[in-house]
Amino acid sequence: MPTVFVDGHERQYDKGTSYEKIVEEFQPKYHDTIALVYFNGKMRELNKRLEKDGVVSLITTKDSAGHAAYCRTATMIMVRAASELAKEMERTFRVKVEFTLGNAYYCSILGDEVEITDEFVEELNRKMQVLIDRNLPIGKKTYPIDDAVSLFHHQGMTDKEKLFRFRNSSTINVYSLDGFYDYYYGYMLPSTGYVNLFRVEAYKDGLLLNLPSQEDPTTLTEFVDQPRLYEQLMLSTEWGELVDIATVGDLNEKICEGNISDMILVQEALQERRIGDIAEQIFERKDVRFVLVAGPSSSGKTTFAHRLSIQLRSFGMRPHILSMDNWFVNRDKTPIDIDGNYNYDVIEAVDLDQFNEDLNDLLDGEEIELPTFDFKIGKRKYNGEKLRLGDNDILVIEGIHGLNPLSTRDIPEESKFRIYISALTSLNIDEHNRIPSSDTRLLRRIVRDARTRAKTASMTINEWKKVRDGEEKYIFPFQNNVDAVFNSVLIYEQSVLKQFAEPLLYSVGKQDHAYYEAKRLLKFLDYFVGVDTASVPSNSICREFVGGGCFPV
């Protein structure tokens, strides 16, 4: 009889006891649902069984892995319910998960044209609720890859057939629900009854699967529309359609056919056209003197600022790129975080009074001396670099607080143009498995940090949660307060990042806190066929991370 420590309590259980049974005793102590466990440091689904002595740690839906398992399980329930509805309607259609909008998944209907009426949506909700009320088990079985592909072929899942054509492993884990089979990248909940909060709604030309947030997994909040974000994500989806790429399987097929160079150039041209459109918007607003560019870590802000500046020059303007970092307060006034480190992510780290005074002086036609922040000594320095704005001069200012109204509180609104930039991934692994935008940014950061800051993958991964927490507090709340959104993601970039990221991730040791996250990212990269950088233009945003670019970054 194995002995285990569960949440610090010693217990003995019969060999073969499921983790779901083990956690029953401890669930009342938790406000949020226990979704997964760690056993001896390795993540396990609740339907797995105890085999030996060890330590069990609990993962709830308020943890990122637990919340992701909840979302995957809800997705499978929706896909299953939609397949039942299609049979009843005697139609051939299927649901494809496209991207996230806040806490909701935006989904399209593929196949036969279907009018998404209130009745259609309510019936889909009803069928999902029936599956949940029955508390059906979600099975998991390992299949030889040929058998799994045959199973997906029988269900008409050509996206999964294509995906696994390029998979190196000989087996695949397949999930089942009430006679329906599917593949999911990541862990699942043990049964449908765990999904107690959801709502499907009609939105635009598709559906929204609204789910609780990780921050408050016990509450289903109203969907908050983000029209600019939706437009850019749909634009990226359309860009993929132009080159016949919607999933990783499609991308791998293009690479193996030898068509990758043309596809890269088309993607870069589409992105350049979008930058040109933004420059034209700025040019048409004659009072704009300050372009504020902000976005989360590794979104490509620096390269974007340079490319936007080139486009502005094509309209006869004279752009000057500045960084808000140069207006940091001196180190003796820098806020300290809970770990005792200098916190440059909070807006109090910026000398807002001096920043606003300098911008207003420029607006008034005065000459100012530009500061440079020296991180080694922790002070602003003035080296005699002067600036006065002429009739055609415009500032492109990059900084994480650029969208926060406090950062330019004393500047007239008509003189500002705000741009939110992020890597909003629209390429999906397959029709039911989306690629989180945060994964793309983390891989970018791992590659860049190793190249430019001599950081290991472990160091970057271990810092990532703190980075994400800062984004949630200081960037994302202001992403709707903008004049334009730019999506910096490139449909091919994971295939390029792969060759740089894999050696770094393999170097993370088993005893390292970052080990399992490194293993997860390696598994993710395994879906992609690699591409070298030969066809990537020197002004590409991808170059900001892999090197070889033409801009100082």
Protein backbone atom coordinates (compact mmCIF):
# COMPACT_ATOMS: atom_id res chain seq x y z
CA MET A 1 0.00 0.00 0.00
CA PRO A 2 1.78 3.18 -1.20
CA THR A 3 2.38 6.02 1.25
CA VAL A 4 1.94 9.53 -0.12
CA PHE A 5 2.05 13.07 1.22
CA VAL A 6 -0.93 15.04 -0.09
CA ASP A 7 -0.74 18.76 0.59
CA GLY A 8 1.64 17.92 3.44
CA HIS A 9 -0.65 15.24 4.97
CA GLU A 10 0.57 11.64 5.11
CA ARG A 11 -1.89 9.12 3.69
CA GLN A 12 -1.90 5.50 2.52
CA TYR A 13 -3.97 4.29 -0.43
CA ASP A 14 -4.41 1.02 -2.26
CA LYS A 15 -2.23 0.69 -5.29
CA GLY A 16 -4.28 1.67 -8.35
CA THR A 17 -6.34 4.33 -6.54
CA SER A 18 -7.13 7.18 -8.91
CA TYR A 19 -5.87 10.68 -8.13
CA GLU A 20 -9.48 11.82 -8.49
CA LYS A 21 -10.39 9.61 -5.52
CA ILE A 22 -7.36 10.82 -3.54
CA VAL A 23 -8.19 14.52 -3.91
CA GLU A 24 -11.83 14.10 -2.80
CA GLU A 25 -10.79 14.50 0.85
CA PHE A 26 -8.97 17.76 0.13
CA GLN A 27 -11.42 19.46 -2.25
CA PRO A 28 -13.53 21.05 0.57
CA LYS A 29 -10.43 22.97 1.69
CA TYR A 30 -10.15 24.66 -1.73
CA HIS A 31 -12.39 27.39 -3.09
CA ASP A 32 -11.53 26.39 -6.68
CA THR A 33 -11.90 23.00 -8.34
CA ILE A 34 -8.91 20.64 -8.17
CA ALA A 35 -8.20 19.88 -11.83
CA LEU A 36 -4.82 18.09 -11.94
CA VAL A 37 -2.04 17.00 -9.60
CA TYR A 38 1.71 16.91 -9.49
CA PHE A 39 3.05 13.51 -8.44
CA ASN A 40 6.73 13.66 -7.50
CA GLY A 41 6.96 16.87 -9.52
CA LYS A 42 5.32 15.48 -12.66
CA MET A 43 1.88 16.64 -13.77
CA ARG A 44 -0.83 13.97 -13.83
CA GLU A 45 -4.47 13.88 -14.88
CA LEU A 46 -6.94 12.90 -12.17
CA ASN A 47 -7.91 9.66 -13.90
CA LYS A 48 -4.32 8.40 -13.60
CA ARG A 49 -3.67 5.90 -10.80
CA LEU A 50 -1.27 5.75 -7.89
CA GLU A 51 1.47 3.16 -8.28
CA LYS A 52 4.15 4.01 -5.70
CA ASP A 53 5.14 6.21 -2.75
CA GLY A 54 5.44 9.90 -3.44
CA VAL A 55 4.34 13.48 -2.93
CA VAL A 56 1.07 14.80 -4.38
CA SER A 57 0.57 18.54 -4.94
CA LEU A 58 -2.80 19.90 -6.04
CA ILE A 59 -3.50 22.05 -9.11
CA THR A 60 -6.76 24.01 -9.22
CA THR A 61 -8.56 25.86 -11.99
CA LYS A 62 -6.97 29.05 -10.64
CA ASP A 63 -3.57 27.71 -11.71
CA SER A 64 -2.63 28.13 -15.38
CA ALA A 65 -2.43 24.36 -16.06
CA GLY A 66 -5.75 23.69 -14.32
CA HIS A 67 -7.52 26.51 -16.13
CA ALA A 68 -6.15 25.30 -19.47
CA ALA A 69 -7.46 21.78 -18.73
CA TYR A 70 -10.90 23.27 -18.01
CA CYS A 71 -10.89 25.17 -21.32
CA ARG A 72 -9.77 22.12 -23.33
CA THR A 73 -12.47 19.96 -21.75
CA ALA A 74 -15.14 22.58 -22.45
CA THR A 75 -13.93 22.73 -26.06
CA MET A 76 -14.24 18.97 -26.49
CA ILE A 77 -17.77 19.07 -25.06
CA MET A 78 -18.71 21.85 -27.51
CA VAL A 79 -17.20 19.99 -30.48
CA ARG A 80 -19.02 16.79 -29.48
CA ALA A 81 -22.33 18.63 -29.03
CA ALA A 82 -21.92 20.32 -32.43
CA SER A 83 -21.33 16.95 -34.12
CA GLU A 84 -24.58 15.64 -32.60
CA LEU A 85 -26.42 18.76 -33.74
CA ALA A 86 -25.08 18.36 -37.29
CA LYS A 87 -26.44 14.80 -37.44
CA GLU A 88 -29.85 15.91 -36.22
CA MET A 89 -29.94 18.70 -38.80
CA GLU A 90 -28.73 16.25 -41.49
CA ARG A 91 -25.97 18.68 -42.36
CA THR A 92 -22.20 18.32 -42.62
CA PHE A 93 -20.56 21.03 -40.56
CA ARG A 94 -17.96 21.25 -37.81
CA VAL A 95 -16.68 23.78 -35.28
CA LYS A 96 -13.20 25.24 -35.59
CA VAL A 97 -11.60 27.15 -32.71
CA GLU A 98 -10.00 30.25 -34.22
CA PHE A 99 -8.62 32.47 -31.43
CA THR A 100 -9.35 33.96 -28.02
CA LEU A 101 -11.10 37.24 -27.28
CA GLY A 102 -10.72 37.90 -23.59
CA ASN A 103 -12.02 34.81 -21.79
CA ALA A 104 -13.93 33.56 -24.82
CA TYR A 105 -12.95 31.35 -27.74
CA TYR A 106 -14.09 32.63 -31.12
CA CYS A 107 -15.15 29.70 -33.30
CA SER A 108 -16.18 29.40 -36.92
CA ILE A 109 -18.52 26.90 -38.57
CA LEU A 110 -16.90 25.00 -41.45
CA GLY A 111 -18.53 22.75 -44.04
CA ASP A 112 -22.17 23.20 -44.97
CA GLU A 113 -23.41 26.75 -44.64
CA VAL A 114 -25.38 27.10 -41.41
CA GLU A 115 -27.38 30.10 -40.26
CA ILE A 116 -26.37 30.83 -36.69
CA THR A 117 -29.77 31.71 -35.24
CA ASP A 118 -30.78 32.09 -31.60
CA GLU A 119 -32.39 28.67 -31.84
CA PHE A 120 -29.17 27.12 -33.17
CA VAL A 121 -27.13 28.61 -30.32
CA GLU A 122 -29.62 27.59 -27.64
CA GLU A 123 -29.74 24.01 -28.94
CA LEU A 124 -25.95 23.83 -28.90
CA ASN A 125 -25.94 25.11 -25.31
CA ARG A 126 -28.61 22.58 -24.37
CA LYS A 127 -26.69 19.66 -25.89
CA MET A 128 -23.53 20.71 -24.07
CA GLN A 129 -25.44 20.89 -20.79
CA VAL A 130 -26.85 17.40 -21.33
CA LEU A 131 -23.32 16.01 -21.79
CA ILE A 132 -22.22 17.83 -18.63
CA ASP A 133 -25.20 16.68 -16.57
CA ARG A 134 -24.46 13.06 -17.52
CA ASN A 135 -20.95 13.51 -16.07
CA LEU A 136 -19.49 11.34 -18.80
CA PRO A 137 -15.93 10.08 -18.38
CA ILE A 138 -13.27 11.47 -20.70
CA GLY A 139 -11.12 8.54 -21.69
CA LYS A 140 -7.51 8.60 -22.81
CA LYS A 141 -5.81 5.88 -24.80
CA THR A 142 -2.47 5.61 -26.55
CA TYR A 143 -2.77 4.50 -30.18
CA PRO A 144 -0.15 3.61 -32.79
CA ILE A 145 0.01 6.65 -35.04
CA ASP A 146 -1.44 4.83 -38.07
CA ASP A 147 -4.43 3.65 -36.03
CA ALA A 148 -5.03 7.15 -34.69
CA VAL A 149 -4.86 8.67 -38.17
CA SER A 150 -7.36 6.07 -39.39
CA LEU A 151 -9.67 6.95 -36.49
CA PHE A 152 -9.53 10.66 -37.32
CA HIS A 153 -10.02 9.93 -41.04
CA HIS A 154 -13.22 8.06 -40.18
CA GLN A 155 -14.47 11.14 -38.30
CA GLY A 156 -13.54 13.48 -41.19
CA MET A 157 -10.77 15.23 -39.24
CA THR A 158 -8.42 15.87 -42.14
CA ASP A 159 -6.57 18.55 -40.15
CA LYS A 160 -5.40 15.91 -37.67
CA GLU A 161 -4.48 13.47 -40.44
CA LYS A 162 -2.25 16.17 -41.92
CA LEU A 163 -0.79 17.14 -38.53
CA PHE A 164 0.33 13.62 -37.65
CA ARG A 165 1.81 13.00 -41.06
CA PHE A 166 4.74 15.10 -39.84
CA ARG A 167 4.93 13.74 -36.27
CA ASN A 168 8.07 11.87 -35.25
CA SER A 169 6.56 9.79 -32.44
CA SER A 170 5.13 6.33 -33.13
CA THR A 171 2.14 6.75 -30.79
CA ILE A 172 -0.51 9.38 -30.02
CA ASN A 173 -2.73 9.95 -26.98
CA VAL A 174 -6.35 10.13 -28.11
CA TYR A 175 -9.22 11.35 -25.92
CA SER A 176 -12.73 9.92 -26.14
CA LEU A 177 -16.13 11.23 -25.07
CA ASP A 178 -19.32 9.25 -25.59
CA GLY A 179 -18.00 7.46 -28.68
CA PHE A 180 -16.37 10.61 -30.10
CA TYR A 181 -12.58 10.76 -30.51
CA ASP A 182 -10.31 13.81 -30.58
CA TYR A 183 -6.74 14.93 -29.94
CA TYR A 184 -5.78 17.69 -27.53
CA TYR A 185 -2.42 19.30 -26.88
CA GLY A 186 -2.35 19.23 -23.08
CA TYR A 187 -4.11 17.67 -20.12
CA MET A 188 -7.87 17.22 -19.66
CA LEU A 189 -10.33 16.95 -16.77
CA PRO A 190 -11.56 13.43 -15.92
CA SER A 191 -15.24 13.92 -16.81
CA THR A 192 -17.70 16.37 -18.31
CA GLY A 193 -19.27 17.25 -14.94
CA TYR A 194 -16.26 19.36 -14.02
CA VAL A 195 -17.28 21.99 -16.60
CA ASN A 196 -19.93 23.77 -14.57
CA LEU A 197 -19.69 27.21 -16.16
CA PHE A 198 -19.88 28.04 -19.87
CA ARG A 199 -22.00 29.87 -22.40
CA VAL A 200 -22.07 29.72 -26.19
CA GLU A 201 -23.15 32.94 -27.89
CA ALA A 202 -23.51 34.12 -31.48
CA TYR A 203 -20.86 36.68 -32.44
CA LYS A 204 -20.11 38.23 -35.83
CA ASP A 205 -20.12 35.33 -38.33
CA GLY A 206 -19.37 32.64 -35.76
CA LEU A 207 -19.70 31.55 -32.14
CA LEU A 208 -18.17 32.51 -28.82
CA LEU A 209 -17.49 29.89 -26.18
CA ASN A 210 -17.44 32.08 -23.07
CA LEU A 211 -15.58 30.54 -20.10
CA PRO A 212 -14.49 31.69 -16.63
CA SER A 213 -11.17 33.48 -16.32
CA GLN A 214 -8.17 32.00 -14.53
CA GLU A 215 -8.31 34.90 -12.07
CA ASP A 216 -11.91 34.04 -11.08
CA PRO A 217 -12.72 30.48 -12.20
CA THR A 218 -15.96 30.37 -10.18
CA THR A 219 -17.65 33.19 -12.10
CA LEU A 220 -18.80 33.45 -15.70
CA THR A 221 -18.58 37.12 -16.65
CA GLU A 222 -20.23 38.91 -19.55
CA PHE A 223 -18.20 38.98 -22.75
CA VAL A 224 -16.49 42.33 -23.31
CA ASP A 225 -16.33 43.17 -27.00
CA GLN A 226 -12.89 44.09 -28.39
CA PRO A 227 -13.65 45.05 -32.00
CA ARG A 228 -10.14 46.20 -32.96
CA LEU A 229 -8.58 43.02 -31.58
CA TYR A 230 -11.16 40.91 -33.44
CA GLU A 231 -10.47 42.78 -36.70
CA GLN A 232 -6.72 42.17 -36.47
CA LEU A 233 -7.10 38.50 -35.59
CA MET A 234 -9.51 38.01 -38.48
CA LEU A 235 -7.09 39.88 -40.74
CA SER A 236 -4.30 37.48 -39.75
CA THR A 237 -6.63 34.54 -40.37
CA GLU A 238 -7.36 35.92 -43.85
CA TRP A 239 -3.61 36.33 -44.47
CA GLY A 240 -3.23 32.63 -43.69
CA GLU A 241 -6.02 31.77 -46.10
CA LEU A 242 -4.23 33.72 -48.86
CA VAL A 243 -1.37 31.21 -48.68
CA ASP A 244 -3.66 28.23 -47.85
CA ILE A 245 -2.37 27.87 -44.29
CA ALA A 246 -4.79 27.53 -41.38
CA THR A 247 -3.10 24.88 -39.26
CA VAL A 248 0.39 23.59 -38.48
CA GLY A 249 -0.22 20.66 -40.81
CA ASP A 250 -0.84 23.10 -43.68
CA LEU A 251 2.36 24.98 -42.83
CA ASN A 252 4.44 21.79 -42.69
CA GLU A 253 3.03 20.71 -46.04
CA LYS A 254 4.07 24.01 -47.64
CA ILE A 255 7.57 23.70 -46.20
CA CYS A 256 7.99 20.15 -47.49
CA GLU A 257 6.70 21.15 -50.92
CA GLY A 258 9.49 23.72 -51.15
CA ASN A 259 7.16 26.76 -51.29
CA ILE A 260 8.28 28.38 -48.07
CA SER A 261 10.27 31.29 -49.60
CA ASP A 262 7.32 32.70 -51.53
CA MET A 263 5.04 32.23 -48.52
CA ILE A 264 7.45 34.12 -46.26
CA LEU A 265 7.64 37.02 -48.72
CA VAL A 266 3.85 37.19 -49.04
CA GLN A 267 3.44 37.26 -45.24
CA GLU A 268 6.07 39.98 -44.89
CA ALA A 269 4.44 42.02 -47.67
CA LEU A 270 1.04 41.80 -45.97
CA GLN A 271 2.55 42.94 -42.70
CA GLU A 272 4.34 45.82 -44.41
CA ARG A 273 1.08 46.89 -46.03
CA ARG A 274 -0.56 46.99 -42.59
CA ILE A 275 2.27 49.17 -41.25
CA GLY A 276 1.79 51.46 -44.25
CA ASP A 277 -1.94 51.70 -43.49
CA ILE A 278 -1.19 52.80 -39.92
CA ALA A 279 1.34 55.37 -41.18
CA GLU A 280 -1.32 56.76 -43.52
CA GLN A 281 -3.79 57.08 -40.63
CA ILE A 282 -1.18 59.05 -38.67
CA PHE A 283 -0.39 61.27 -41.68
CA GLU A 284 -4.05 62.09 -42.18
CA ARG A 285 -4.37 63.31 -38.60
CA LYS A 286 -2.46 66.54 -38.99
CA ASP A 287 -2.30 67.37 -35.28
CA VAL A 288 -0.50 64.16 -34.27
CA ARG A 289 3.03 64.77 -32.99
CA PHE A 290 3.48 61.78 -30.68
CA VAL A 291 2.99 58.14 -31.70
CA LEU A 292 2.86 55.97 -28.58
CA VAL A 293 3.74 52.30 -29.16
CA ALA A 294 3.14 49.77 -26.38
CA GLY A 295 2.63 46.05 -26.03
CA PRO A 296 3.64 43.02 -24.00
CA SER A 297 7.13 41.52 -23.84
CA SER A 298 8.63 40.20 -27.07
CA SER A 299 5.90 41.63 -29.27
CA GLY A 300 8.45 43.21 -31.63
CA LYS A 301 8.00 46.83 -30.57
CA THR A 302 11.50 47.96 -31.53
CA THR A 303 11.45 46.60 -35.09
CA PHE A 304 7.89 47.83 -35.55
CA ALA A 305 8.90 51.35 -34.47
CA HIS A 306 11.70 51.40 -37.05
CA ARG A 307 9.50 50.05 -39.86
CA LEU A 308 6.71 52.48 -38.99
CA SER A 309 9.25 55.31 -39.07
CA ILE A 310 10.30 54.34 -42.59
CA GLN A 311 6.67 54.36 -43.70
CA LEU A 312 6.13 57.76 -42.08
CA ARG A 313 9.12 59.10 -44.02
CA SER A 314 7.43 57.97 -47.23
CA PHE A 315 4.66 60.45 -46.38
CA GLY A 316 7.18 63.28 -46.00
CA MET A 317 7.34 63.16 -42.21
CA ARG A 318 10.52 63.16 -40.10
CA PRO A 319 10.15 60.57 -37.32
CA HIS A 320 12.37 60.35 -34.24
CA ILE A 321 12.31 57.12 -32.19
CA LEU A 322 12.46 57.57 -28.42
CA SER A 323 12.17 55.15 -25.51
CA MET A 324 10.19 56.00 -22.39
CA ASP A 325 12.81 54.00 -20.47
CA ASN A 326 15.11 57.01 -20.74
CA TRP A 327 12.76 58.91 -18.42
CA PHE A 328 13.05 56.40 -15.57
CA VAL A 329 13.48 57.98 -12.16
CA ASN A 330 16.93 57.68 -10.62
CA ARG A 331 17.57 54.45 -8.76
CA ASP A 332 17.19 55.97 -5.28
CA LYS A 333 13.54 56.66 -6.21
CA THR A 334 12.89 53.40 -8.13
CA PRO A 335 10.06 51.33 -6.58
CA ILE A 336 11.00 47.99 -5.00
CA ASP A 337 8.99 44.79 -5.64
CA ILE A 338 8.06 42.19 -3.01
CA ASP A 339 11.29 40.30 -3.69
CA GLY A 340 13.39 43.36 -2.93
CA ASN A 341 14.31 43.99 -6.58
CA TYR A 342 14.04 47.25 -8.50
CA ASN A 343 10.67 47.29 -10.25
CA TYR A 344 10.83 49.03 -13.62
CA ASP A 345 7.43 47.68 -14.70
CA VAL A 346 5.29 50.01 -12.56
CA ILE A 347 4.39 53.43 -13.89
CA GLU A 348 5.90 55.03 -10.77
CA ALA A 349 9.32 54.03 -12.17
CA VAL A 350 8.88 56.73 -14.84
CA ASP A 351 9.44 60.41 -14.08
CA LEU A 352 6.05 61.44 -15.45
CA ASP A 353 6.45 65.08 -14.50
CA GLN A 354 9.67 65.45 -16.50
CA PHE A 355 8.36 63.33 -19.37
CA ASN A 356 5.21 65.43 -19.76
CA GLU A 357 7.15 68.67 -19.34
CA ASP A 358 9.55 67.67 -22.11
CA LEU A 359 6.75 66.68 -24.50
CA ASN A 360 4.86 69.91 -23.84
CA ASP A 361 8.01 71.94 -24.42
CA LEU A 362 8.42 70.19 -27.77
CA LEU A 363 4.81 70.97 -28.65
CA ASP A 364 5.49 74.62 -27.87
CA GLY A 365 8.40 74.67 -30.31
CA GLU A 366 11.10 74.70 -27.65
CA GLU A 367 14.35 72.76 -27.79
CA ILE A 368 14.92 70.07 -25.16
CA GLU A 369 17.91 67.95 -24.17
CA LEU A 370 17.14 64.25 -24.44
CA PRO A 371 18.01 62.01 -21.49
CA THR A 372 19.58 58.56 -21.60
CA PHE A 373 19.03 56.22 -18.67
CA ASP A 374 22.18 54.41 -17.59
CA PHE A 375 21.12 51.11 -16.05
CA LYS A 376 24.63 50.46 -14.69
CA ILE A 377 24.61 53.49 -12.39
CA GLY A 378 20.82 53.83 -12.20
CA LYS A 379 20.66 57.47 -13.27
CA ARG A 380 19.46 59.62 -16.15
CA LYS A 381 22.34 61.19 -18.05
CA TYR A 382 22.33 64.15 -20.41
CA ASN A 383 24.94 63.96 -23.17
CA GLY A 384 24.11 67.08 -25.13
CA GLU A 385 21.65 65.47 -27.58
CA LYS A 386 19.08 68.16 -28.42
CA LEU A 387 15.72 68.02 -30.17
CA ARG A 388 13.31 70.61 -31.50
CA LEU A 389 10.22 69.64 -33.48
CA GLY A 390 9.90 71.17 -36.94
CA ASP A 391 6.72 71.26 -39.00
CA ASN A 392 7.17 67.68 -40.29
CA ASP A 393 8.80 66.16 -37.20
CA ILE A 394 6.98 63.44 -35.24
CA LEU A 395 8.05 61.32 -32.26
CA VAL A 396 7.61 57.54 -32.18
CA ILE A 397 7.76 56.73 -28.47
CA GLU A 398 8.11 53.13 -27.31
CA GLY A 399 7.35 52.09 -23.74
CA ILE A 400 5.20 49.62 -21.81
CA HIS A 401 3.16 52.45 -20.25
CA GLY A 402 2.52 54.31 -23.49
CA LEU A 403 -1.19 53.41 -23.53
CA ASN A 404 -1.78 54.36 -19.91
CA PRO A 405 -3.48 57.80 -19.90
CA LEU A 406 -1.37 58.79 -16.89
CA SER A 407 1.84 58.57 -18.91
CA THR A 408 0.82 61.53 -21.10
CA ARG A 409 -1.66 63.14 -18.73
CA ASP A 410 -0.68 66.73 -19.60
CA ILE A 411 -0.52 66.25 -23.38
CA PRO A 412 -3.47 67.29 -25.61
CA GLU A 413 -5.35 64.23 -26.91
CA GLU A 414 -5.31 65.43 -30.51
CA SER A 415 -1.51 65.31 -30.55
CA LYS A 416 -1.38 61.59 -29.62
CA PHE A 417 -1.78 58.43 -31.68
CA ARG A 418 -1.74 55.20 -29.66
CA ILE A 419 -0.75 51.80 -31.11
CA TYR A 420 -1.08 48.45 -29.35
CA ILE A 421 1.25 45.76 -30.69
CA SER A 422 1.25 42.08 -29.78
CA ALA A 423 1.96 38.65 -31.25
CA LEU A 424 -1.66 37.56 -31.69
CA THR A 425 -1.30 34.01 -32.96
CA SER A 426 -3.97 32.98 -35.46
CA LEU A 427 -2.27 29.81 -36.71
CA ASN A 428 -3.60 26.77 -34.84
CA ILE A 429 -2.14 23.32 -34.24
CA ASP A 430 -5.35 21.90 -35.67
CA GLU A 431 -9.01 22.89 -35.70
CA HIS A 432 -9.48 22.28 -31.96
CA ASN A 433 -6.06 23.21 -30.55
CA ARG A 434 -5.06 26.85 -30.66
CA ILE A 435 -1.56 28.17 -30.12
CA PRO A 436 -1.50 30.58 -27.15
CA SER A 437 -0.01 33.95 -28.09
CA SER A 438 1.98 33.83 -24.85
CA ASP A 439 3.82 30.70 -26.08
CA THR A 440 4.97 32.51 -29.22
CA ARG A 441 6.21 35.43 -27.15
CA LEU A 442 7.96 33.18 -24.63
CA LEU A 443 9.84 31.36 -27.42
CA ARG A 444 10.81 34.71 -28.95
CA ARG A 445 12.11 35.89 -25.57
CA ILE A 446 14.07 32.68 -24.89
CA VAL A 447 15.85 32.98 -28.24
CA ARG A 448 16.49 36.73 -27.93
CA ASP A 449 17.65 36.57 -24.30
CA ALA A 450 20.16 33.84 -25.11
CA ARG A 451 21.52 35.81 -28.06
CA THR A 452 21.64 39.33 -26.61
CA ARG A 453 21.63 38.97 -22.81
CA ALA A 454 23.52 35.68 -22.25
CA LYS A 455 20.53 34.25 -20.39
CA THR A 456 19.73 30.55 -20.25
CA ALA A 457 16.29 29.23 -21.18
CA SER A 458 15.83 28.36 -17.52
CA MET A 459 16.38 31.96 -16.45
CA THR A 460 13.90 33.29 -19.02
CA ILE A 461 11.24 30.69 -18.17
CA ASN A 462 11.57 31.31 -14.43
CA GLU A 463 11.13 35.06 -14.99
CA TRP A 464 8.13 34.63 -17.27
CA LYS A 465 5.38 34.54 -14.63
CA LYS A 466 6.56 37.84 -13.21
CA VAL A 467 6.65 39.31 -16.72
CA ARG A 468 3.10 38.07 -17.42
CA ASP A 469 1.83 39.43 -14.11
CA GLY A 470 3.23 42.83 -15.03
CA GLU A 471 1.52 42.71 -18.42
CA GLU A 472 -1.83 41.90 -16.81
CA LYS A 473 -1.50 44.92 -14.52
CA TYR A 474 0.15 47.54 -16.69
CA ILE A 475 -0.50 46.78 -20.38
CA PHE A 476 -3.60 44.68 -21.07
CA PRO A 477 -6.05 46.96 -19.19
CA PHE A 478 -5.29 49.71 -21.74
CA GLN A 479 -5.20 47.67 -24.96
CA ASN A 480 -8.64 48.92 -26.03
CA ASN A 481 -7.65 52.55 -25.46
CA VAL A 482 -5.90 52.77 -28.84
CA ASP A 483 -6.11 54.20 -32.35
CA ALA A 484 -4.63 51.12 -34.04
CA VAL A 485 -3.71 47.50 -33.30
CA PHE A 486 -0.79 45.77 -34.99
CA ASN A 487 -0.36 42.01 -34.96
CA SER A 488 3.36 41.22 -35.13
CA VAL A 489 3.06 37.45 -35.44
CA LEU A 490 4.25 35.74 -38.62
CA ILE A 491 2.60 32.54 -39.70
CA TYR A 492 5.92 30.80 -40.31
CA GLU A 493 7.92 32.00 -37.32
CA GLN A 494 7.62 28.95 -35.03
CA SER A 495 9.34 26.92 -37.76
CA VAL A 496 12.20 29.45 -37.74
CA LEU A 497 12.38 29.80 -33.93
CA LYS A 498 12.47 25.99 -33.60
CA GLN A 499 16.13 25.59 -34.59
CA PHE A 500 17.23 28.29 -32.13
CA ALA A 501 14.95 27.37 -29.22
CA GLU A 502 15.34 23.59 -29.13
CA PRO A 503 19.03 23.45 -28.08
CA LEU A 504 18.34 26.04 -25.37
CA LEU A 505 15.36 24.10 -24.03
CA TYR A 506 17.19 20.77 -24.09
CA SER A 507 19.83 22.34 -21.83
CA VAL A 508 17.34 22.75 -18.95
CA GLY A 509 18.16 20.12 -16.34
CA LYS A 510 15.66 17.77 -14.73
CA GLN A 511 16.17 19.30 -11.28
CA ASP A 512 15.45 22.80 -12.58
CA HIS A 513 12.12 24.47 -11.76
CA ALA A 514 11.80 25.27 -15.47
CA TYR A 515 12.23 21.64 -16.59
CA TYR A 516 8.59 20.69 -17.20
CA GLU A 517 7.83 23.97 -18.95
CA ALA A 518 10.87 23.40 -21.18
CA LYS A 519 9.60 19.88 -21.94
CA ARG A 520 6.16 21.28 -22.81
CA LEU A 521 7.68 23.79 -25.21
CA LEU A 522 9.82 21.07 -26.81
CA LYS A 523 6.71 18.99 -27.36
CA PHE A 524 5.03 22.01 -28.92
CA LEU A 525 7.97 22.65 -31.28
CA ASP A 526 7.90 19.00 -32.30
CA TYR A 527 4.74 19.74 -34.31
CA PHE A 528 6.70 22.00 -36.67
CA VAL A 529 9.02 21.23 -39.56
CA GLY A 530 12.01 23.54 -39.20
CA VAL A 531 13.00 26.31 -41.60
CA ASP A 532 16.33 28.15 -41.79
CA THR A 533 16.60 31.93 -41.83
CA ALA A 534 17.89 32.30 -45.40
CA SER A 535 14.54 33.50 -46.75
CA VAL A 536 13.68 35.76 -43.82
CA PRO A 537 14.14 39.45 -44.82
CA SER A 538 16.58 41.54 -42.77
CA ASN A 539 13.80 43.96 -41.73
CA SER A 540 11.49 41.17 -40.52
CA ILE A 541 10.17 41.33 -36.96
CA CYS A 542 11.41 37.74 -36.66
CA ARG A 543 14.98 39.10 -37.00
CA GLU A 544 14.59 41.02 -33.73
CA PHE A 545 14.74 37.64 -32.00
CA VAL A 546 16.88 35.34 -34.17
CA GLY A 547 19.40 38.01 -35.23
CA GLY A 548 20.66 39.17 -38.60
CA GLY A 549 18.36 42.17 -38.76
CA CYS A 550 19.08 45.58 -40.25
CA PHE A 551 17.78 47.62 -37.29
CA PRO A 552 19.56 48.34 -33.98
CA VAL A 553 17.57 46.34 -31.40
